[in-house]
Amino acid sequence: EVEETLRKNIKAQGKFLRVLAQAGKRGTSSRGSVLLHSSCFEALARFGYTLLTSSMDRLDFETAYKILLLTGSYYQIHEGNEGMPNKANKSLEGCFTEFLSGRMRRHPVFGLAKFWLH
């Protein structure tokens, strides 16, 4: 239901971007990053991916760029090596850090030449 609203409602999309920006400002540590519980991280990833798809459909590359920037401060820590990307930030023994912007970069909009030429 939330994904459908984000997909179709421009006002809801703007609200989501404002929430990302405000929460990032409030929750930043001295490093400028915000540690999220895995369920929160996955929800933001799902909503961000939905918004990226909507942006790509409308050729709205400015919104896609904003999402990439705003998700750069959010991260989660995975325990163990299962699912670890090749270039993961290995911060603790047996753990790795995944940034939300890294997840967003997998979206096809960032593979379009039009995005990078915008």
C-alpha atoms as a PDB file:
ATOM      1  CA  GLU A   1       0.000   0.000   0.000  1.00  0.00           C
ATOM      2  CA  VAL A   2       2.780   2.454   0.882  1.00  0.00           C
ATOM      3  CA  GLU A   3       4.688   1.535  -2.262  1.00  0.00           C
ATOM      4  CA  GLU A   4       1.589   2.169  -4.382  1.00  0.00           C
ATOM      5  CA  THR A   5       1.138   5.614  -2.812  1.00  0.00           C
ATOM      6  CA  LEU A   6       4.803   6.480  -3.395  1.00  0.00           C
ATOM      7  CA  ARG A   7       4.561   5.268  -6.967  1.00  0.00           C
ATOM      8  CA  LYS A   8       1.600   7.482  -7.867  1.00  0.00           C
ATOM      9  CA  ASN A   9       1.469  10.455  -5.496  1.00  0.00           C
ATOM     10  CA  ILE A  10       3.977  13.259  -6.147  1.00  0.00           C
ATOM     11  CA  LYS A  11       3.189  14.899  -2.773  1.00  0.00           C
ATOM     12  CA  ALA A  12       3.898  11.639  -0.951  1.00  0.00           C
ATOM     13  CA  GLN A  13       7.196  11.379  -2.819  1.00  0.00           C
ATOM     14  CA  GLY A  14       8.204  14.855  -1.686  1.00  0.00           C
ATOM     15  CA  LYS A  15       7.216  14.036   1.884  1.00  0.00           C
ATOM     16  CA  PHE A  16       9.348  10.866   1.800  1.00  0.00           C
ATOM     17  CA  LEU A  17      12.369  12.870   0.611  1.00  0.00           C
ATOM     18  CA  ARG A  18      11.847  15.464   3.356  1.00  0.00           C
ATOM     19  CA  VAL A  19      11.597  12.715   6.001  1.00  0.00           C
ATOM     20  CA  LEU A  20      14.830  11.146   4.731  1.00  0.00           C
ATOM     21  CA  ALA A  21      16.586  14.511   4.897  1.00  0.00           C
ATOM     22  CA  GLN A  22      15.263  15.464   8.358  1.00  0.00           C
ATOM     23  CA  ALA A  23      15.836  12.055   9.932  1.00  0.00           C
ATOM     24  CA  GLY A  24      19.359  12.043   8.561  1.00  0.00           C
ATOM     25  CA  LYS A  25      20.069  15.428  10.182  1.00  0.00           C
ATOM     26  CA  ARG A  26      18.639  14.400  13.555  1.00  0.00           C
ATOM     27  CA  GLY A  27      20.165  10.959  13.765  1.00  0.00           C
ATOM     28  CA  THR A  28      23.693  11.635  12.609  1.00  0.00           C
ATOM     29  CA  SER A  29      26.557  10.598  14.776  1.00  0.00           C
ATOM     30  CA  SER A  30      29.949  12.295  14.835  1.00  0.00           C
ATOM     31  CA  ARG A  31      30.773  10.378  11.628  1.00  0.00           C
ATOM     32  CA  GLY A  32      27.663  11.746   9.926  1.00  0.00           C
ATOM     33  CA  SER A  33      26.102   8.306   9.538  1.00  0.00           C
ATOM     34  CA  VAL A  34      22.888   6.818  10.917  1.00  0.00           C
ATOM     35  CA  LEU A  35      22.810   3.185  12.057  1.00  0.00           C
ATOM     36  CA  LEU A  36      19.420   1.580  11.342  1.00  0.00           C
ATOM     37  CA  HIS A  37      17.862  -1.623  12.625  1.00  0.00           C
ATOM     38  CA  SER A  38      17.649  -4.110   9.757  1.00  0.00           C
ATOM     39  CA  SER A  39      13.835  -3.880   9.493  1.00  0.00           C
ATOM     40  CA  CYS A  40      14.000  -0.063   9.188  1.00  0.00           C
ATOM     41  CA  PHE A  41      16.832  -0.326   6.683  1.00  0.00           C
ATOM     42  CA  GLU A  42      14.854  -2.803   4.550  1.00  0.00           C
ATOM     43  CA  ALA A  43      11.709  -0.637   4.675  1.00  0.00           C
ATOM     44  CA  LEU A  44      13.635   2.454   3.555  1.00  0.00           C
ATOM     45  CA  ALA A  45      15.325   0.388   0.839  1.00  0.00           C
ATOM     46  CA  ARG A  46      11.958  -0.850  -0.432  1.00  0.00           C
ATOM     47  CA  PHE A  47      10.412   2.635  -0.405  1.00  0.00           C
ATOM     48  CA  GLY A  48      13.480   4.224  -1.986  1.00  0.00           C
ATOM     49  CA  TYR A  49      13.568   1.600  -4.731  1.00  0.00           C
ATOM     50  CA  THR A  50       9.872   2.215  -5.429  1.00  0.00           C
ATOM     51  CA  LEU A  51      10.477   5.941  -5.692  1.00  0.00           C
ATOM     52  CA  LEU A  52      13.461   5.352  -7.996  1.00  0.00           C
ATOM     53  CA  THR A  53      11.267   3.250 -10.278  1.00  0.00           C
ATOM     54  CA  SER A  54       8.665   5.994 -10.381  1.00  0.00           C
ATOM     55  CA  SER A  55      11.362   8.584 -11.092  1.00  0.00           C
ATOM     56  CA  MET A  56      12.777   6.475 -13.904  1.00  0.00           C
ATOM     57  CA  ASP A  57       9.327   6.056 -15.471  1.00  0.00           C
ATOM     58  CA  ARG A  58       8.906   9.864 -15.494  1.00  0.00           C
ATOM     59  CA  LEU A  59      12.540  10.499 -16.497  1.00  0.00           C
ATOM     60  CA  ASP A  60      12.833  12.523 -13.284  1.00  0.00           C
ATOM     61  CA  PHE A  61      16.565  12.201 -12.765  1.00  0.00           C
ATOM     62  CA  GLU A  62      16.736  15.009 -10.214  1.00  0.00           C
ATOM     63  CA  THR A  63      14.649  12.995  -7.732  1.00  0.00           C
ATOM     64  CA  ALA A  64      16.758   9.885  -8.390  1.00  0.00           C
ATOM     65  CA  TYR A  65      19.891  11.888  -7.638  1.00  0.00           C
ATOM     66  CA  LYS A  66      18.364  13.266  -4.415  1.00  0.00           C
ATOM     67  CA  ILE A  67      17.543   9.737  -3.272  1.00  0.00           C
ATOM     68  CA  LEU A  68      21.107   8.636  -3.903  1.00  0.00           C
ATOM     69  CA  LEU A  69      22.465  11.570  -1.889  1.00  0.00           C
ATOM     70  CA  LEU A  70      19.977  11.326   0.980  1.00  0.00           C
ATOM     71  CA  THR A  71      20.473   7.587   1.486  1.00  0.00           C
ATOM     72  CA  GLY A  72      24.246   7.954   1.774  1.00  0.00           C
ATOM     73  CA  SER A  73      24.194   8.455   5.535  1.00  0.00           C
ATOM     74  CA  TYR A  74      22.041   5.438   6.470  1.00  0.00           C
ATOM     75  CA  TYR A  75      23.596   2.036   7.099  1.00  0.00           C
ATOM     76  CA  GLN A  76      23.113  -1.317   8.756  1.00  0.00           C
ATOM     77  CA  ILE A  77      25.564  -3.844  10.131  1.00  0.00           C
ATOM     78  CA  HIS A  78      25.355  -7.484   9.036  1.00  0.00           C
ATOM     79  CA  GLU A  79      26.753 -10.218  11.228  1.00  0.00           C
ATOM     80  CA  GLY A  80      28.712 -12.979   9.555  1.00  0.00           C
ATOM     81  CA  ASN A  81      29.890 -13.147   5.950  1.00  0.00           C
ATOM     82  CA  GLU A  82      26.710 -14.442   4.327  1.00  0.00           C
ATOM     83  CA  GLY A  83      25.546 -12.089   1.582  1.00  0.00           C
ATOM     84  CA  MET A  84      28.619  -9.899   1.905  1.00  0.00           C
ATOM     85  CA  PRO A  85      29.288  -7.923  -1.275  1.00  0.00           C
ATOM     86  CA  ASN A  86      32.835  -8.046  -2.666  1.00  0.00           C
ATOM     87  CA  LYS A  87      33.481  -4.400  -1.787  1.00  0.00           C
ATOM     88  CA  ALA A  88      31.772  -4.405   1.616  1.00  0.00           C
ATOM     89  CA  ASN A  89      33.169  -2.265   4.395  1.00  0.00           C
ATOM     90  CA  LYS A  90      34.483  -4.832   6.875  1.00  0.00           C
ATOM     91  CA  SER A  91      34.189  -2.808  10.061  1.00  0.00           C
ATOM     92  CA  LEU A  92      34.147  -5.444  12.812  1.00  0.00           C
ATOM     93  CA  GLU A  93      35.399  -9.004  13.000  1.00  0.00           C
ATOM     94  CA  GLY A  94      32.741 -11.172  11.372  1.00  0.00           C
ATOM     95  CA  CYS A  95      30.541  -8.167  10.458  1.00  0.00           C
ATOM     96  CA  PHE A  96      30.164  -5.843   7.502  1.00  0.00           C
ATOM     97  CA  THR A  97      28.495  -2.509   6.902  1.00  0.00           C
ATOM     98  CA  GLU A  98      25.957  -1.917   4.138  1.00  0.00           C
ATOM     99  CA  PHE A  99      24.993   1.636   3.227  1.00  0.00           C
ATOM    100  CA  LEU A 100      21.533   2.355   1.889  1.00  0.00           C
ATOM    101  CA  SER A 101      22.996   4.309  -1.028  1.00  0.00           C
ATOM    102  CA  GLY A 102      24.868   1.146  -2.030  1.00  0.00           C
ATOM    103  CA  ARG A 103      21.555  -0.671  -2.236  1.00  0.00           C
ATOM    104  CA  MET A 104      19.995   2.209  -4.207  1.00  0.00           C
ATOM    105  CA  ARG A 105      22.884   2.223  -6.714  1.00  0.00           C
ATOM    106  CA  ARG A 106      21.716  -1.192  -7.930  1.00  0.00           C
ATOM    107  CA  HIS A 107      18.572   0.373  -9.422  1.00  0.00           C
ATOM    108  CA  PRO A 108      18.510   0.431 -13.250  1.00  0.00           C
ATOM    109  CA  VAL A 109      18.006   4.228 -13.356  1.00  0.00           C
ATOM    110  CA  PHE A 110      21.690   4.647 -12.497  1.00  0.00           C
ATOM    111  CA  GLY A 111      22.649   2.536 -15.510  1.00  0.00           C
ATOM    112  CA  LEU A 112      20.964   4.923 -17.933  1.00  0.00           C
ATOM    113  CA  ALA A 113      23.238   7.264 -19.846  1.00  0.00           C
ATOM    114  CA  LYS A 114      20.460   9.892 -19.661  1.00  0.00           C
ATOM    115  CA  PHE A 115      20.786   9.941 -15.882  1.00  0.00           C
ATOM    116  CA  TRP A 116      24.523  10.724 -15.990  1.00  0.00           C
ATOM    117  CA  LEU A 117      24.084  13.312 -18.750  1.00  0.00           C
ATOM    118  CA  HIS A 118      21.374  15.164 -16.833  1.00  0.00           C
END
